[in-house]
N, C-alpha and C. Protein backbone atom coordinates (compact mmCIF):
# COMPACT_ATOMS: atom_id res chain seq x y z
N MET A 1 0.85 -1.19 0.00
CA MET A 1 0.00 0.00 0.00
C MET A 1 0.89 1.25 0.00
N TYR A 2 0.44 2.27 -0.67
CA TYR A 2 1.24 3.49 -0.83
C TYR A 2 0.80 4.54 0.18
N TYR A 3 1.72 5.04 0.97
CA TYR A 3 1.43 6.06 1.96
C TYR A 3 2.27 7.30 1.67
N PRO A 4 1.87 8.09 0.71
CA PRO A 4 2.70 9.22 0.28
C PRO A 4 2.96 10.23 1.39
N HIS A 5 1.97 10.53 2.19
CA HIS A 5 2.16 11.55 3.22
C HIS A 5 3.11 11.06 4.30
N LYS A 6 2.96 9.81 4.72
CA LYS A 6 3.82 9.27 5.78
C LYS A 6 5.26 9.17 5.30
N ILE A 7 5.46 8.73 4.07
CA ILE A 7 6.81 8.61 3.55
C ILE A 7 7.44 9.99 3.43
N SER A 8 6.68 10.95 2.93
CA SER A 8 7.19 12.32 2.77
C SER A 8 7.58 12.90 4.12
N TRP A 9 6.71 12.66 5.14
CA TRP A 9 6.99 13.18 6.48
C TRP A 9 8.24 12.56 7.06
N PHE A 10 8.37 11.23 6.90
CA PHE A 10 9.54 10.54 7.45
C PHE A 10 10.82 10.99 6.75
N SER A 11 10.75 11.15 5.43
CA SER A 11 11.93 11.59 4.67
C SER A 11 12.35 12.98 5.09
N SER A 12 11.37 13.86 5.29
CA SER A 12 11.67 15.23 5.70
C SER A 12 12.32 15.23 7.08
N LEU A 13 11.78 14.42 7.99
CA LEU A 13 12.34 14.34 9.33
C LEU A 13 13.77 13.83 9.29
N LEU A 14 14.02 12.84 8.43
CA LEU A 14 15.35 12.28 8.31
C LEU A 14 16.33 13.32 7.77
N LEU A 15 15.88 14.08 6.77
CA LEU A 15 16.75 15.12 6.20
C LEU A 15 17.07 16.20 7.23
N VAL A 16 16.06 16.58 7.99
CA VAL A 16 16.28 17.58 9.04
C VAL A 16 17.26 17.07 10.07
N SER A 17 17.12 15.82 10.47
CA SER A 17 18.01 15.23 11.46
C SER A 17 19.45 15.20 10.96
N VAL A 18 19.62 14.80 9.71
CA VAL A 18 20.96 14.77 9.11
C VAL A 18 21.56 16.16 9.06
N PHE A 19 20.71 17.14 8.69
CA PHE A 19 21.18 18.53 8.61
C PHE A 19 21.63 19.03 9.99
N LEU A 20 20.82 18.74 11.01
CA LEU A 20 21.15 19.20 12.36
C LEU A 20 22.43 18.55 12.86
N LEU A 21 22.60 17.27 12.58
CA LEU A 21 23.82 16.57 12.99
C LEU A 21 25.04 17.16 12.29
N ALA A 22 24.88 17.47 11.00
CA ALA A 22 25.99 18.05 10.24
C ALA A 22 26.33 19.43 10.77
N SER A 23 25.30 20.22 11.10
CA SER A 23 25.51 21.55 11.64
C SER A 23 26.22 21.49 12.97
N PHE A 24 25.81 20.54 13.80
CA PHE A 24 26.45 20.37 15.11
C PHE A 24 27.91 20.00 14.94
N LYS A 25 28.20 19.13 13.97
CA LYS A 25 29.59 18.70 13.72
C LYS A 25 30.43 19.89 13.28
N VAL A 26 29.89 20.72 12.39
CA VAL A 26 30.61 21.90 11.92
C VAL A 26 30.90 22.84 13.07
N HIS A 27 29.88 23.04 13.94
CA HIS A 27 30.06 23.94 15.08
C HIS A 27 31.14 23.40 16.02
N ALA A 28 31.11 22.08 16.27
CA ALA A 28 32.09 21.46 17.17
C ALA A 28 33.50 21.58 16.59
N ASP A 29 33.63 21.33 15.29
CA ASP A 29 34.94 21.42 14.63
C ASP A 29 35.46 22.85 14.67
N PHE A 30 34.56 23.81 14.44
CA PHE A 30 34.97 25.22 14.46
C PHE A 30 35.42 25.61 15.85
N GLN A 31 34.66 25.19 16.87
CA GLN A 31 35.02 25.52 18.25
C GLN A 31 36.36 24.91 18.63
N GLU A 32 36.61 23.72 18.16
CA GLU A 32 37.89 23.06 18.43
C GLU A 32 39.04 23.85 17.81
N ALA A 33 38.82 24.36 16.62
CA ALA A 33 39.84 25.16 15.95
C ALA A 33 40.09 26.46 16.71
N VAL A 34 39.01 27.09 17.18
CA VAL A 34 39.14 28.34 17.94
C VAL A 34 39.90 28.09 19.24
N GLU A 35 39.59 27.01 19.91
CA GLU A 35 40.27 26.69 21.16
C GLU A 35 41.75 26.44 20.93
N ALA A 36 42.09 25.77 19.84
CA ALA A 36 43.50 25.53 19.51
C ALA A 36 44.21 26.86 19.26
N TYR A 37 43.53 27.76 18.58
CA TYR A 37 44.12 29.08 18.31
C TYR A 37 44.36 29.84 19.61
N GLU A 38 43.37 29.82 20.50
CA GLU A 38 43.49 30.54 21.77
C GLU A 38 44.59 29.98 22.65
N LEU A 39 44.89 28.71 22.48
CA LEU A 39 45.97 28.08 23.25
C LEU A 39 47.34 28.28 22.59
N GLY A 40 47.35 28.94 21.43
CA GLY A 40 48.60 29.17 20.72
C GLY A 40 49.04 28.02 19.84
N ASN A 41 48.17 27.03 19.69
CA ASN A 41 48.49 25.89 18.83
C ASN A 41 47.98 26.21 17.42
N TYR A 42 48.73 27.08 16.73
CA TYR A 42 48.25 27.64 15.47
C TYR A 42 48.21 26.61 14.35
N LYS A 43 49.16 25.71 14.33
CA LYS A 43 49.15 24.69 13.27
C LYS A 43 47.93 23.79 13.41
N ARG A 44 47.60 23.43 14.65
CA ARG A 44 46.41 22.61 14.88
C ARG A 44 45.15 23.38 14.48
N ALA A 45 45.13 24.66 14.81
CA ALA A 45 43.99 25.49 14.46
C ALA A 45 43.79 25.51 12.95
N LEU A 46 44.88 25.71 12.21
CA LEU A 46 44.79 25.73 10.76
C LEU A 46 44.32 24.39 10.21
N GLN A 47 44.83 23.31 10.78
CA GLN A 47 44.42 21.98 10.33
C GLN A 47 42.92 21.79 10.49
N ASN A 48 42.35 22.40 11.52
CA ASN A 48 40.91 22.26 11.75
C ASN A 48 40.09 23.25 10.93
N PHE A 49 40.66 24.43 10.68
CA PHE A 49 39.92 25.43 9.89
C PHE A 49 39.84 25.05 8.41
N VAL A 50 40.90 24.46 7.88
CA VAL A 50 40.98 24.20 6.43
C VAL A 50 39.83 23.32 5.93
N PRO A 51 39.53 22.18 6.57
CA PRO A 51 38.40 21.37 6.07
C PRO A 51 37.08 22.13 6.10
N LEU A 52 36.89 22.95 7.13
CA LEU A 52 35.67 23.75 7.21
C LEU A 52 35.62 24.76 6.07
N ALA A 53 36.77 25.38 5.79
CA ALA A 53 36.83 26.34 4.70
C ALA A 53 36.53 25.68 3.37
N GLN A 54 37.01 24.47 3.19
CA GLN A 54 36.77 23.75 1.95
C GLN A 54 35.29 23.42 1.77
N ARG A 55 34.55 23.41 2.88
CA ARG A 55 33.11 23.14 2.81
C ARG A 55 32.30 24.44 2.76
N GLY A 56 33.01 25.55 2.61
CA GLY A 56 32.31 26.82 2.42
C GLY A 56 31.95 27.55 3.69
N ASN A 57 32.70 27.33 4.77
CA ASN A 57 32.44 28.03 6.02
C ASN A 57 33.14 29.40 5.99
N ALA A 58 32.34 30.47 5.95
CA ALA A 58 32.89 31.82 5.79
C ALA A 58 33.80 32.21 6.95
N LYS A 59 33.41 31.84 8.18
CA LYS A 59 34.22 32.19 9.34
C LYS A 59 35.58 31.50 9.29
N ALA A 60 35.59 30.25 8.85
CA ALA A 60 36.85 29.52 8.74
C ALA A 60 37.75 30.16 7.67
N LEU A 61 37.16 30.53 6.55
CA LEU A 61 37.91 31.20 5.48
C LEU A 61 38.52 32.50 6.00
N PHE A 62 37.72 33.26 6.73
CA PHE A 62 38.21 34.53 7.29
C PHE A 62 39.36 34.29 8.27
N ASN A 63 39.18 33.31 9.16
CA ASN A 63 40.20 33.05 10.17
C ASN A 63 41.50 32.58 9.56
N ILE A 64 41.41 31.79 8.50
CA ILE A 64 42.63 31.36 7.81
C ILE A 64 43.33 32.58 7.22
N GLY A 65 42.54 33.46 6.60
CA GLY A 65 43.12 34.68 6.05
C GLY A 65 43.81 35.51 7.12
N PHE A 66 43.17 35.63 8.28
CA PHE A 66 43.75 36.41 9.37
C PHE A 66 45.05 35.78 9.87
N MET A 67 45.06 34.45 9.98
CA MET A 67 46.27 33.77 10.46
C MET A 67 47.42 33.90 9.47
N ILE A 68 47.10 33.84 8.19
CA ILE A 68 48.14 34.01 7.16
C ILE A 68 48.62 35.46 7.15
N GLU A 69 47.71 36.40 7.30
CA GLU A 69 48.11 37.81 7.32
C GLU A 69 49.02 38.12 8.49
N SER A 70 48.70 37.56 9.66
CA SER A 70 49.45 37.89 10.87
C SER A 70 50.57 36.92 11.19
N GLY A 71 50.74 35.89 10.35
CA GLY A 71 51.85 34.96 10.54
C GLY A 71 51.65 34.01 11.70
N LYS A 72 50.43 33.55 11.91
CA LYS A 72 50.14 32.61 12.99
C LYS A 72 50.15 31.18 12.44
N GLY A 73 51.23 30.45 12.72
CA GLY A 73 51.34 29.07 12.26
C GLY A 73 51.93 28.93 10.87
N VAL A 74 52.03 30.03 10.16
CA VAL A 74 52.62 30.07 8.81
C VAL A 74 53.35 31.41 8.66
N PRO A 75 54.27 31.52 7.68
CA PRO A 75 54.90 32.81 7.43
C PRO A 75 53.86 33.86 7.01
N ALA A 76 53.99 35.06 7.53
CA ALA A 76 53.05 36.13 7.18
C ALA A 76 53.09 36.40 5.68
N ASN A 77 51.90 36.47 5.08
CA ASN A 77 51.81 36.67 3.64
C ASN A 77 50.51 37.42 3.32
N PRO A 78 50.54 38.75 3.40
CA PRO A 78 49.32 39.53 3.16
C PRO A 78 48.67 39.27 1.80
N THR A 79 49.50 39.06 0.78
CA THR A 79 48.95 38.82 -0.56
C THR A 79 48.12 37.55 -0.59
N LEU A 80 48.62 36.49 0.03
CA LEU A 80 47.88 35.24 0.10
C LEU A 80 46.66 35.40 1.01
N ALA A 81 46.82 36.17 2.07
CA ALA A 81 45.68 36.40 2.98
C ALA A 81 44.51 37.03 2.24
N ILE A 82 44.82 37.96 1.34
CA ILE A 82 43.76 38.62 0.57
C ILE A 82 42.93 37.59 -0.20
N LYS A 83 43.58 36.58 -0.75
CA LYS A 83 42.86 35.56 -1.51
C LYS A 83 41.86 34.81 -0.62
N TRP A 84 42.27 34.52 0.61
CA TRP A 84 41.36 33.85 1.54
C TRP A 84 40.24 34.79 1.97
N TYR A 85 40.60 36.04 2.23
CA TYR A 85 39.58 37.02 2.60
C TYR A 85 38.54 37.20 1.49
N LYS A 86 39.00 37.18 0.24
CA LYS A 86 38.07 37.34 -0.88
C LYS A 86 37.08 36.18 -0.94
N ARG A 87 37.55 34.99 -0.62
CA ARG A 87 36.64 33.84 -0.60
C ARG A 87 35.60 34.00 0.51
N ALA A 88 36.03 34.54 1.65
CA ALA A 88 35.09 34.79 2.74
C ALA A 88 34.10 35.89 2.36
N TYR A 89 34.60 36.89 1.65
CA TYR A 89 33.75 38.00 1.21
C TYR A 89 32.64 37.51 0.28
N LYS A 90 32.95 36.56 -0.59
CA LYS A 90 31.94 36.02 -1.50
C LYS A 90 30.80 35.36 -0.74
N LEU A 91 31.10 34.95 0.49
CA LEU A 91 30.07 34.34 1.34
C LEU A 91 29.51 35.35 2.33
N LYS A 92 29.73 36.66 2.04
CA LYS A 92 29.13 37.77 2.79
C LYS A 92 29.69 37.95 4.19
N HIS A 93 30.95 37.56 4.41
CA HIS A 93 31.58 37.85 5.70
C HIS A 93 31.97 39.32 5.71
N ARG A 94 31.33 40.11 6.57
CA ARG A 94 31.47 41.56 6.48
C ARG A 94 32.82 42.10 6.93
N ASN A 95 33.58 41.31 7.71
CA ASN A 95 34.90 41.78 8.13
C ASN A 95 36.00 41.45 7.12
N ALA A 96 35.70 40.56 6.19
CA ALA A 96 36.72 40.16 5.20
C ALA A 96 37.13 41.33 4.31
N PRO A 97 36.18 42.05 3.69
CA PRO A 97 36.58 43.18 2.86
C PRO A 97 37.24 44.29 3.68
N PHE A 98 36.85 44.43 4.94
CA PHE A 98 37.48 45.42 5.81
C PHE A 98 38.95 45.12 5.99
N ASN A 99 39.28 43.85 6.23
CA ASN A 99 40.69 43.47 6.40
C ASN A 99 41.48 43.62 5.11
N ILE A 100 40.83 43.35 3.99
CA ILE A 100 41.50 43.57 2.70
C ILE A 100 41.84 45.04 2.54
N ALA A 101 40.89 45.91 2.89
CA ALA A 101 41.12 47.35 2.80
C ALA A 101 42.28 47.77 3.69
N LEU A 102 42.34 47.21 4.89
CA LEU A 102 43.44 47.55 5.80
C LEU A 102 44.80 47.16 5.23
N ILE A 103 44.85 46.01 4.57
CA ILE A 103 46.10 45.57 3.97
C ILE A 103 46.55 46.56 2.90
N TYR A 104 45.63 46.97 2.04
CA TYR A 104 45.98 47.92 0.99
C TYR A 104 46.34 49.29 1.58
N TYR A 105 45.68 49.66 2.67
CA TYR A 105 45.91 50.97 3.28
C TYR A 105 47.24 51.02 4.04
N ASN A 106 47.57 49.91 4.70
CA ASN A 106 48.75 49.89 5.58
C ASN A 106 49.86 49.00 5.05
N ASP A 107 50.03 48.92 3.76
CA ASP A 107 51.03 48.02 3.18
C ASP A 107 52.38 48.21 3.88
N SER A 108 52.89 47.12 4.46
CA SER A 108 54.13 47.20 5.23
C SER A 108 55.35 47.49 4.37
N LYS A 109 55.24 47.29 3.06
CA LYS A 109 56.36 47.55 2.16
C LYS A 109 56.33 48.97 1.59
N GLY A 110 55.43 49.77 2.11
CA GLY A 110 55.35 51.16 1.66
C GLY A 110 54.67 51.34 0.32
N LYS A 111 53.89 50.35 -0.09
CA LYS A 111 53.21 50.42 -1.39
C LYS A 111 51.69 50.51 -1.17
N GLN A 112 51.31 51.46 -0.36
CA GLN A 112 49.89 51.62 -0.09
C GLN A 112 49.10 51.88 -1.37
N ASP A 113 47.93 51.28 -1.45
CA ASP A 113 47.04 51.50 -2.59
C ASP A 113 45.73 52.03 -2.04
N TYR A 114 45.64 53.36 -1.94
CA TYR A 114 44.46 53.97 -1.32
C TYR A 114 43.20 53.79 -2.17
N VAL A 115 43.37 53.70 -3.48
CA VAL A 115 42.21 53.50 -4.34
C VAL A 115 41.56 52.14 -4.05
N LYS A 116 42.38 51.10 -3.95
CA LYS A 116 41.85 49.77 -3.64
C LYS A 116 41.34 49.71 -2.21
N ALA A 117 42.03 50.41 -1.32
CA ALA A 117 41.56 50.45 0.08
C ALA A 117 40.15 51.03 0.14
N MET A 118 39.94 52.13 -0.56
CA MET A 118 38.61 52.75 -0.58
C MET A 118 37.57 51.80 -1.18
N GLU A 119 37.93 51.12 -2.25
CA GLU A 119 37.02 50.17 -2.89
C GLU A 119 36.57 49.09 -1.91
N TRP A 120 37.52 48.55 -1.16
CA TRP A 120 37.19 47.46 -0.25
C TRP A 120 36.52 47.95 1.03
N TYR A 121 36.85 49.16 1.46
CA TYR A 121 36.11 49.72 2.59
C TYR A 121 34.64 49.86 2.24
N LYS A 122 34.36 50.29 1.01
CA LYS A 122 32.97 50.47 0.59
C LYS A 122 32.26 49.12 0.49
N LYS A 123 32.97 48.08 0.06
CA LYS A 123 32.37 46.75 0.04
C LYS A 123 32.02 46.30 1.46
N ALA A 124 32.93 46.59 2.40
CA ALA A 124 32.68 46.23 3.80
C ALA A 124 31.49 47.02 4.35
N ALA A 125 31.44 48.31 4.02
CA ALA A 125 30.34 49.15 4.47
C ALA A 125 29.00 48.64 3.94
N ALA A 126 29.00 48.15 2.71
CA ALA A 126 27.78 47.65 2.09
C ALA A 126 27.29 46.37 2.77
N LEU A 127 28.19 45.69 3.48
CA LEU A 127 27.80 44.49 4.22
C LEU A 127 27.48 44.80 5.68
N GLY A 128 27.60 46.08 6.05
CA GLY A 128 27.23 46.47 7.40
C GLY A 128 28.36 46.70 8.37
N ASN A 129 29.59 46.81 7.87
CA ASN A 129 30.73 47.04 8.76
C ASN A 129 30.80 48.52 9.12
N GLY A 130 30.52 48.85 10.37
CA GLY A 130 30.47 50.24 10.81
C GLY A 130 31.82 50.93 10.80
N ALA A 131 32.88 50.20 11.17
CA ALA A 131 34.21 50.80 11.19
C ALA A 131 34.64 51.25 9.81
N ALA A 132 34.19 50.54 8.79
CA ALA A 132 34.52 50.92 7.41
C ALA A 132 33.94 52.29 7.08
N LEU A 133 32.75 52.58 7.59
CA LEU A 133 32.13 53.88 7.34
C LEU A 133 33.01 55.01 7.87
N VAL A 134 33.53 54.83 9.07
CA VAL A 134 34.41 55.84 9.68
C VAL A 134 35.68 56.00 8.85
N ASN A 135 36.27 54.88 8.43
CA ASN A 135 37.52 54.94 7.68
C ASN A 135 37.35 55.58 6.31
N ILE A 136 36.20 55.37 5.69
CA ILE A 136 35.93 56.04 4.42
C ILE A 136 35.88 57.55 4.64
N GLY A 137 35.19 57.95 5.70
CA GLY A 137 35.14 59.37 6.03
C GLY A 137 36.54 59.94 6.26
N GLN A 138 37.38 59.17 6.94
CA GLN A 138 38.76 59.60 7.19
C GLN A 138 39.53 59.80 5.88
N MET A 139 39.34 58.87 4.96
CA MET A 139 40.06 58.95 3.70
C MET A 139 39.65 60.19 2.91
N TYR A 140 38.36 60.49 2.91
CA TYR A 140 37.91 61.71 2.22
C TYR A 140 38.40 62.96 2.95
N PHE A 141 38.40 62.92 4.26
CA PHE A 141 38.81 64.09 5.03
C PHE A 141 40.29 64.43 4.81
N PHE A 142 41.12 63.39 4.79
CA PHE A 142 42.56 63.61 4.65
C PHE A 142 43.05 63.51 3.20
N GLY A 143 42.16 63.21 2.28
CA GLY A 143 42.55 63.15 0.88
C GLY A 143 43.41 61.95 0.53
N LYS A 144 43.10 60.81 1.11
CA LYS A 144 43.83 59.58 0.81
C LYS A 144 43.21 58.92 -0.42
N GLY A 145 43.96 58.88 -1.50
CA GLY A 145 43.46 58.29 -2.74
C GLY A 145 42.73 59.28 -3.62
N GLY A 146 42.76 60.53 -3.28
CA GLY A 146 42.09 61.57 -4.06
C GLY A 146 42.16 62.89 -3.33
N LYS A 147 41.45 63.87 -3.83
CA LYS A 147 41.46 65.18 -3.20
C LYS A 147 40.67 65.16 -1.89
N LYS A 148 41.07 66.05 -0.97
CA LYS A 148 40.31 66.20 0.26
C LYS A 148 38.89 66.64 -0.07
N ASN A 149 37.94 66.06 0.63
CA ASN A 149 36.54 66.40 0.37
C ASN A 149 35.76 66.33 1.69
N LYS A 150 35.63 67.50 2.32
CA LYS A 150 34.96 67.54 3.62
C LYS A 150 33.47 67.25 3.51
N ILE A 151 32.89 67.55 2.36
CA ILE A 151 31.46 67.28 2.18
C ILE A 151 31.20 65.77 2.19
N LYS A 152 32.00 65.04 1.43
CA LYS A 152 31.85 63.58 1.43
C LYS A 152 32.23 62.99 2.78
N ALA A 153 33.27 63.56 3.40
CA ALA A 153 33.68 63.09 4.72
C ALA A 153 32.52 63.23 5.71
N TYR A 154 31.87 64.38 5.68
CA TYR A 154 30.73 64.61 6.58
C TYR A 154 29.62 63.59 6.31
N ALA A 155 29.34 63.34 5.04
CA ALA A 155 28.26 62.41 4.69
C ALA A 155 28.54 61.00 5.22
N TRP A 156 29.76 60.53 5.04
CA TRP A 156 30.11 59.19 5.52
C TRP A 156 30.16 59.13 7.04
N TYR A 157 30.70 60.18 7.65
CA TYR A 157 30.70 60.22 9.12
C TYR A 157 29.27 60.21 9.67
N THR A 158 28.36 60.87 8.96
CA THR A 158 26.97 60.91 9.42
C THR A 158 26.33 59.53 9.34
N VAL A 159 26.62 58.80 8.28
CA VAL A 159 26.13 57.42 8.19
C VAL A 159 26.68 56.61 9.37
N ALA A 160 27.98 56.76 9.61
CA ALA A 160 28.61 56.05 10.73
C ALA A 160 27.99 56.44 12.06
N ALA A 161 27.75 57.74 12.22
CA ALA A 161 27.14 58.23 13.46
C ALA A 161 25.77 57.61 13.68
N ASN A 162 25.00 57.50 12.62
CA ASN A 162 23.65 56.92 12.72
C ASN A 162 23.66 55.41 12.85
N ARG A 163 24.83 54.81 12.66
CA ARG A 163 25.01 53.39 12.97
C ARG A 163 25.52 53.21 14.40
N GLY A 164 25.70 54.33 15.11
CA GLY A 164 26.12 54.26 16.51
C GLY A 164 27.61 54.26 16.71
N MET A 165 28.39 54.61 15.68
CA MET A 165 29.84 54.64 15.80
C MET A 165 30.28 55.95 16.46
N ARG A 166 30.92 55.85 17.63
CA ARG A 166 31.30 57.04 18.38
C ARG A 166 32.26 57.93 17.60
N LYS A 167 33.21 57.31 16.92
CA LYS A 167 34.15 58.11 16.12
C LYS A 167 33.41 58.83 15.00
N GLY A 168 32.38 58.21 14.48
CA GLY A 168 31.58 58.85 13.45
C GLY A 168 30.89 60.09 13.98
N ILE A 169 30.34 59.98 15.19
CA ILE A 169 29.67 61.13 15.80
C ILE A 169 30.66 62.26 16.04
N ARG A 170 31.79 61.93 16.65
CA ARG A 170 32.79 62.94 16.96
C ARG A 170 33.33 63.61 15.70
N ASN A 171 33.69 62.81 14.72
CA ASN A 171 34.28 63.37 13.50
C ASN A 171 33.27 64.17 12.68
N ARG A 172 32.03 63.70 12.66
CA ARG A 172 30.99 64.45 11.97
C ARG A 172 30.84 65.85 12.56
N ASP A 173 30.84 65.92 13.88
CA ASP A 173 30.66 67.22 14.55
C ASP A 173 31.85 68.14 14.30
N ILE A 174 33.05 67.55 14.24
CA ILE A 174 34.25 68.36 13.96
C ILE A 174 34.17 68.95 12.55
N VAL A 175 33.82 68.10 11.58
CA VAL A 175 33.73 68.55 10.19
C VAL A 175 32.62 69.58 10.03
N ALA A 176 31.52 69.36 10.71
CA ALA A 176 30.35 70.25 10.58
C ALA A 176 30.72 71.69 10.93
N ARG A 177 31.59 71.86 11.90
CA ARG A 177 31.97 73.21 12.32
C ARG A 177 32.76 73.96 11.25
N SER A 178 33.30 73.23 10.29
CA SER A 178 34.11 73.88 9.25
C SER A 178 33.34 74.08 7.94
N LEU A 179 32.08 73.65 7.91
CA LEU A 179 31.29 73.75 6.68
C LEU A 179 30.43 75.02 6.67
N THR A 180 30.34 75.62 5.50
CA THR A 180 29.44 76.76 5.32
C THR A 180 28.01 76.24 5.21
N PRO A 181 27.00 77.10 5.38
CA PRO A 181 25.61 76.64 5.20
C PRO A 181 25.39 76.00 3.82
N PHE A 182 26.01 76.56 2.79
CA PHE A 182 25.87 75.99 1.45
C PHE A 182 26.47 74.60 1.40
N ASP A 183 27.70 74.45 1.96
CA ASP A 183 28.36 73.15 1.98
C ASP A 183 27.57 72.14 2.81
N MET A 184 27.01 72.59 3.91
CA MET A 184 26.23 71.69 4.76
C MET A 184 25.01 71.16 4.02
N ASN A 185 24.37 72.01 3.26
CA ASN A 185 23.22 71.59 2.47
C ASN A 185 23.62 70.51 1.46
N HIS A 186 24.77 70.73 0.83
CA HIS A 186 25.31 69.76 -0.12
C HIS A 186 25.66 68.46 0.59
N ALA A 187 26.27 68.59 1.77
CA ALA A 187 26.68 67.41 2.54
C ALA A 187 25.48 66.58 2.97
N GLU A 188 24.40 67.23 3.34
CA GLU A 188 23.19 66.51 3.74
C GLU A 188 22.60 65.75 2.55
N ARG A 189 22.69 66.33 1.37
CA ARG A 189 22.21 65.62 0.17
C ARG A 189 23.08 64.39 -0.09
N GLU A 190 24.38 64.54 0.09
CA GLU A 190 25.30 63.40 -0.07
C GLU A 190 24.93 62.29 0.91
N TYR A 191 24.65 62.69 2.13
CA TYR A 191 24.28 61.71 3.16
C TYR A 191 23.01 60.97 2.78
N ARG A 192 22.00 61.69 2.33
CA ARG A 192 20.74 61.05 1.95
C ARG A 192 20.93 60.07 0.80
N ALA A 193 21.87 60.38 -0.08
CA ALA A 193 22.14 59.47 -1.21
C ALA A 193 22.79 58.17 -0.74
N LEU A 194 23.50 58.24 0.39
CA LEU A 194 24.19 57.06 0.91
C LEU A 194 23.29 56.17 1.76
N ARG A 195 22.25 56.73 2.33
CA ARG A 195 21.41 56.03 3.29
C ARG A 195 20.87 54.69 2.80
N ALA A 196 20.34 54.70 1.59
CA ALA A 196 19.62 53.52 1.10
C ALA A 196 20.51 52.28 1.08
N LYS A 197 21.79 52.45 0.77
CA LYS A 197 22.69 51.31 0.63
C LYS A 197 23.48 51.03 1.90
N TYR A 198 23.87 52.08 2.60
CA TYR A 198 24.82 51.91 3.69
C TYR A 198 24.26 52.09 5.09
N LEU A 199 23.00 52.51 5.20
CA LEU A 199 22.43 52.72 6.53
C LEU A 199 21.11 52.00 6.72
N ASP A 200 20.12 52.31 5.90
CA ASP A 200 18.77 51.79 6.12
C ASP A 200 18.68 50.27 6.27
N PRO A 201 19.43 49.49 5.46
CA PRO A 201 19.30 48.02 5.60
C PRO A 201 19.77 47.48 6.94
N PHE A 202 20.52 48.30 7.71
CA PHE A 202 21.11 47.80 8.94
C PHE A 202 20.51 48.41 10.21
N LEU A 203 19.46 49.22 10.01
CA LEU A 203 18.78 49.79 11.16
C LEU A 203 17.80 48.77 11.72
N LYS A 204 17.77 48.64 13.02
CA LYS A 204 16.87 47.67 13.65
C LYS A 204 15.45 48.25 13.75
């Protein structure tokens, strides 16, 4: 006799059970890797992160990138770290593009690329990274990668301020004191143009 509903229900339950067991295993493996890292056993941590990364775990991909960037368990290699961070970014890890931006901004060999830093800060900001908003404002304020632009700096600081970033609030107020009424009007328009992508999706 055919029992389509019962078979469907049992199959669904089995799939859910398998999924939950797999999720638990991933969580346990990730926690084991984190504990190894915290104990300073970096090689063991990497050994545990790599299989997770191969299965598409964004946090594992990010952590491998961080360890390679900072030389934990392997020789420091910012260029290789960027490749791992980019893989994490594709899975929407919001700190991955931020770290890429930092590498381009603070190149230890004196080859800073402010244009790429700005590009990756904006990618991080689009994923909800508040610190990226402040750093973008800083770059416009100090003219890193282009001309100084207090109007754009104010707009980005205002987005950061409305995300609750203290540095955003402080820097916005500092810049505001140097703007003319005409510039302030322009700056507010810039801010409104940024809201839809960089602020509104992340407001609770």
